[in-house]
């Protein structure tokens, strides 16, 4: 019996969790269990059966808005206009669960962002540079 060749399943949306110089550091936010949040993100990604993934990275840049989590769209989400969503001050159980629900729903381009998370959106370092260059006098 011949084997059918099917296209590979696309990469899911990805939570990029900053754990650099400020994000995830108990000295900056001693009242928040950073490790538990990362475990919650990882457990939810595993339970999602491939709907989203989690990746940990070093410093993403906007340290004054720590903890930063970036929800990057899947290729399909990007085709539909989704762009990475930079979420600042991403602490608290409600925020963690909203990020997980949005990722599970498909993330940017495939599902609308929860309004409460939109209040926490921050500029990426690249967006900030572009804006500053445009604002510079000629």
Protein backbone atom coordinates (compact mmCIF):
# COMPACT_ATOMS: atom_id res chain seq x y z
CA UNK A 1 0.00 0.00 0.00
CA UNK A 2 1.52 3.37 -0.99
CA UNK A 3 2.16 5.95 1.68
CA UNK A 4 0.45 9.29 1.24
CA UNK A 5 2.78 12.23 1.62
CA UNK A 6 1.08 15.05 3.43
CA UNK A 7 2.37 18.52 4.05
CA UNK A 8 4.07 18.98 7.39
CA UNK A 9 1.99 20.63 10.02
CA UNK A 10 2.88 24.29 10.41
CA UNK A 11 4.72 25.70 13.36
CA UNK A 12 2.30 26.85 16.06
CA UNK A 13 2.24 30.25 17.66
CA UNK A 14 5.01 30.54 20.20
CA UNK A 15 5.27 32.16 23.62
CA UNK A 16 8.72 33.64 23.99
CA UNK A 17 9.29 34.15 27.70
CA UNK A 18 12.02 36.58 28.70
CA UNK A 19 14.17 35.44 31.58
CA UNK A 20 17.08 37.85 31.17
CA UNK A 21 18.54 40.55 33.35
CA UNK A 22 15.23 41.81 34.83
CA UNK A 23 12.45 39.49 33.73
CA UNK A 24 12.08 36.48 35.91
CA UNK A 25 14.34 37.87 38.60
CA UNK A 26 13.12 37.63 42.19
CA UNK A 27 15.24 40.65 43.16
CA UNK A 28 13.16 42.89 40.86
CA UNK A 29 9.78 41.32 41.69
CA UNK A 30 10.23 39.35 44.92
CA UNK A 31 6.50 38.73 45.41
CA UNK A 32 5.99 36.83 42.16
CA UNK A 33 6.85 33.16 41.57
CA UNK A 34 8.55 33.40 38.18
CA UNK A 35 9.43 29.70 38.05
CA UNK A 36 5.81 28.70 38.70
CA UNK A 37 4.64 30.95 35.85
CA UNK A 38 7.11 29.33 33.46
CA UNK A 39 6.00 25.87 34.61
CA UNK A 40 2.36 26.90 33.99
CA UNK A 41 3.18 28.11 30.47
CA UNK A 42 5.09 24.90 29.72
CA UNK A 43 2.38 22.63 31.13
CA UNK A 44 -0.29 24.46 29.12
CA UNK A 45 1.75 24.16 25.93
CA UNK A 46 2.21 20.44 26.51
CA UNK A 47 -1.51 20.01 27.20
CA UNK A 48 -2.35 21.98 24.05
CA UNK A 49 -1.11 19.08 21.90
CA UNK A 50 0.85 21.33 19.59
CA UNK A 51 -1.48 24.34 19.44
CA UNK A 52 1.29 26.51 20.88
CA UNK A 53 4.89 26.23 22.03
CA UNK A 54 6.99 27.92 24.71
CA UNK A 55 10.53 29.14 24.34
CA UNK A 56 12.69 30.85 26.95
CA UNK A 57 15.15 33.52 25.92
CA UNK A 58 17.58 35.96 27.44
CA UNK A 59 16.89 39.68 27.67
CA UNK A 60 14.39 40.99 25.09
CA UNK A 61 15.01 44.65 25.89
CA UNK A 62 12.18 46.63 27.49
CA UNK A 63 13.44 45.97 31.02
CA UNK A 64 11.42 48.83 32.50
CA UNK A 65 8.29 46.88 31.50
CA UNK A 66 9.40 43.48 32.83
CA UNK A 67 8.27 40.71 32.78
CA UNK A 68 8.05 40.54 28.98
CA UNK A 69 6.31 37.76 27.07
CA UNK A 70 6.08 37.85 23.28
CA UNK A 71 3.36 35.86 21.56
CA UNK A 72 4.63 35.20 18.05
CA UNK A 73 2.07 34.18 15.43
CA UNK A 74 2.08 30.92 13.57
CA UNK A 75 2.83 31.10 9.84
CA UNK A 76 -0.94 31.01 9.17
CA UNK A 77 -1.50 33.77 11.72
CA UNK A 78 1.21 35.86 10.02
CA UNK A 79 -0.41 35.30 6.61
CA UNK A 80 -3.63 36.66 8.11
CA UNK A 81 -1.87 39.81 9.34
CA UNK A 82 -0.79 38.75 12.82
CA UNK A 83 2.38 40.26 14.21
CA UNK A 84 4.26 39.43 17.42
CA UNK A 85 2.50 40.84 20.46
CA UNK A 86 4.84 42.19 23.12
CA UNK A 87 3.17 41.92 26.51
CA UNK A 88 4.69 43.84 29.40
CA UNK A 89 4.18 43.46 33.12
CA UNK A 90 3.08 39.88 32.46
CA UNK A 91 2.64 38.75 36.03
CA UNK A 92 -0.35 37.60 37.98
CA UNK A 93 -2.47 34.50 37.56
CA UNK A 94 -5.13 36.29 35.47
CA UNK A 95 -2.55 37.63 33.02
CA UNK A 96 -0.84 34.23 32.75
CA UNK A 97 -4.15 32.50 32.03
CA UNK A 98 -5.20 35.11 29.44
CA UNK A 99 -1.91 34.67 27.59
CA UNK A 100 -2.43 30.90 27.61
CA UNK A 101 -6.05 31.18 26.37
CA UNK A 102 -5.01 33.51 23.54
CA UNK A 103 -2.17 31.19 22.50
CA UNK A 104 -4.47 28.17 22.68
CA UNK A 105 -7.00 30.01 20.47
CA UNK A 106 -4.35 30.53 17.79
CA UNK A 107 -2.68 33.78 18.84
CA UNK A 108 -2.09 36.88 16.69
CA UNK A 109 -3.82 36.79 13.32
CA UNK A 110 -6.08 33.89 14.23
CA UNK A 111 -7.77 35.07 17.43
CA UNK A 112 -8.39 38.53 18.84
CA UNK A 113 -6.25 39.60 21.77
CA UNK A 114 -8.06 39.85 25.09
CA UNK A 115 -8.75 43.52 25.81
CA UNK A 116 -7.04 43.35 29.17
CA UNK A 117 -3.85 42.09 27.52
CA UNK A 118 -4.01 44.88 24.93
CA UNK A 119 -3.63 47.30 27.84
CA UNK A 120 -0.28 45.63 28.54
CA UNK A 121 1.07 45.70 24.97
CA UNK A 122 4.44 47.42 24.72
CA UNK A 123 6.61 48.47 21.80
CA UNK A 124 9.31 46.10 20.70
CA UNK A 125 12.82 47.59 20.68
CA UNK A 126 12.67 47.70 16.85
CA UNK A 127 9.35 49.61 16.90
CA UNK A 128 10.76 52.05 19.44
CA UNK A 129 13.84 52.71 17.26
CA UNK A 130 11.67 53.27 14.15
CA UNK A 131 9.44 55.71 16.01
CA UNK A 132 12.42 57.61 17.42
CA UNK A 133 14.01 57.85 13.96
CA UNK A 134 10.76 59.24 12.51
CA UNK A 135 10.48 61.78 15.33
CA UNK A 136 14.04 63.06 14.83
CA UNK A 137 14.23 66.52 13.24
CA UNK A 138 15.67 66.53 9.74
